[in-house]
Amino acid sequence: MATDTSRPPSPPTRPDTPHSVGYFSVPFERFKRDEISDWASGFTLLDTMETYFDSRLDLIQRQLSKHSDRLKMKAEEKFNDVFKKDVLTKLKSQSGDLLPDNVEKEMQKFRLKMTQRMTSLSASWQSAKIIRTREKITFFTGVMILLFTALMFGMAPQWIHITYTVLAGYLLPMRAYQYKKRSWHYFLFDLCYYSTILNFVYIWFLPDNAALFVACYCLSHGSLGSAVITWRNSLVFHDSDKVTSLFIHIYAPLTFTVIRHFYPNAEVRFPALKEVPYLKPLQAILLSGIIYMIWQLLYWKFVLINRRTKIESGQRTTSFSFLLNDKRGVIGRALSSVPAQYREVSFMGGQLLYAILTELPAVFLLYDSPFWSGAFLLLMFSVSVWNGGGFYIEVFGRKFERELEALRKELAEATARSSSQSSPTLGPQSDDDFSTVAGSPPMNGNKILSPEIASIELSSESSTTSLPEVESKKDQ
């Protein structure tokens, strides 16, 4: 078979001698890819699955495994601390002799304390496993929902609105429960949830109401659909909160696009379509504007007025307070420049203007064109995929980089400790010194690291630095 000259040359293989370890120390050699796996690079789909999905899942599992290992090490440290402080200290007299009479009593106390602490650590360890399993289930469910939605869109579009209802019946109550626990439930009064409820009222109770259909169509393609860009929704399959946000904002325009352009004999199931063969721009904007103003008045009265004390005290968070405190965002900076007494009015007026502007493409273009409706959905979905890719690469990439840096420091510290103890080899003596790595041959402590790693001198304070943690931020 002819050799592909366009393929870059493979990196040189590692010599058998233990002193040539390249850029990584010997423990990293067990993570080296076998050359037999290079056959997958000839297939674009397989390569994408390997480098995108598998690697991201591996990063998530790596973090949780590290958390489990850290809990095990903590349990061992607790055992040593308790044994030294609570047992040996009490068993020794002032002269340093052991007191045999108190041995049994002190050992019973010791066993009781260790049982309590190990129970607590075991609960934390099990919770990490539960989180890992839950994220795997969320990832699987998200991918399968996307697949079935695409299949239904092409093969059975009359099931899209049913799927929309079933998914909302699960995801929205879960979001209400989670937001209530975090005191974020005032976000549930936003326009997107109000529009979602109106969508279901039209689909299941008033399918012959032309005015409600026009309002739902415009709001779904306007404020809800554009929120994918405004709120930076991300297609992150393992995060149920991000999946729910994307579902709320993208499934509504998908459903009404199907009802308008792809539903077979749609006039039978949704009689309002007979009365609206095309949209009248002023009438459509006026109807959606009336629906919007009803929501805005209710929101102003029951949230901004009746709950003002809780909001100002910081007990509750709303979209207005969230955006106002976001000094890095354009909206936050604009609101900060407005006098305090006019900020709420300015915010509501800006929302109304935003709603009208985002509805213009639906009124003048999307309602009459299946092609441009599909292009609109593809654009929104592409933005969410791009944001999701950025989340995986930026967040997990930086986290993995910091983990490697922390591991490099730990290996350097282990080498320094081994050298200070005049140990000629890194033998299987202690788990703390990373000496039980499978397949690691005994080597001199000064040569266990590559020149790039061994040349960095660490300060004494670095030995007590814990591994960095990356905190996730709520993304609406």
Foldseek 3Di string as FASTA:
>chain_A
DDDDPVDDDDDDDADPDLLGDDAWFPLCVVVDDDPVVVVQVVPPVSVCCVPPVVVLLVLLVVVLVVVLVVLVVVLVVVLVVCCVPQPCVVQQDPVGDGDVVCNVVSVVVSVVVSVVVVVVSVVVNVVSVVLSVLLVVQLVVLVVVVVVLVVCLPPPLVCLVVVLVVVCVPLVVVVCVVCVVVQANQQCLDPLVVLSVLLCCCQPPNLQDLLSLLLSQLQLQFVLQCVCVVLVQASARSDSLSSSSLSSRQSSLVSSLCLQPPHVPSCVSRVSCVVPVAFDLVSSLVSNLVVVVVSVVVCCPVPCPVVVVCVVVPVHDYPLNVLCPPCVDPSVVVLVVDPPVCSVVVVSVVVSVRSSVRSVCVRPPSSVDSVVSVVSSVVSVVSNHVSNVCCSCVQSVVLVVLVVVLVLVQQLVLLVVCVVVVNQWLDPDDVSSVSPSPPRDIHGSQSSRDPVSSVDDDDPVSVPDDRDDDDDDDRD
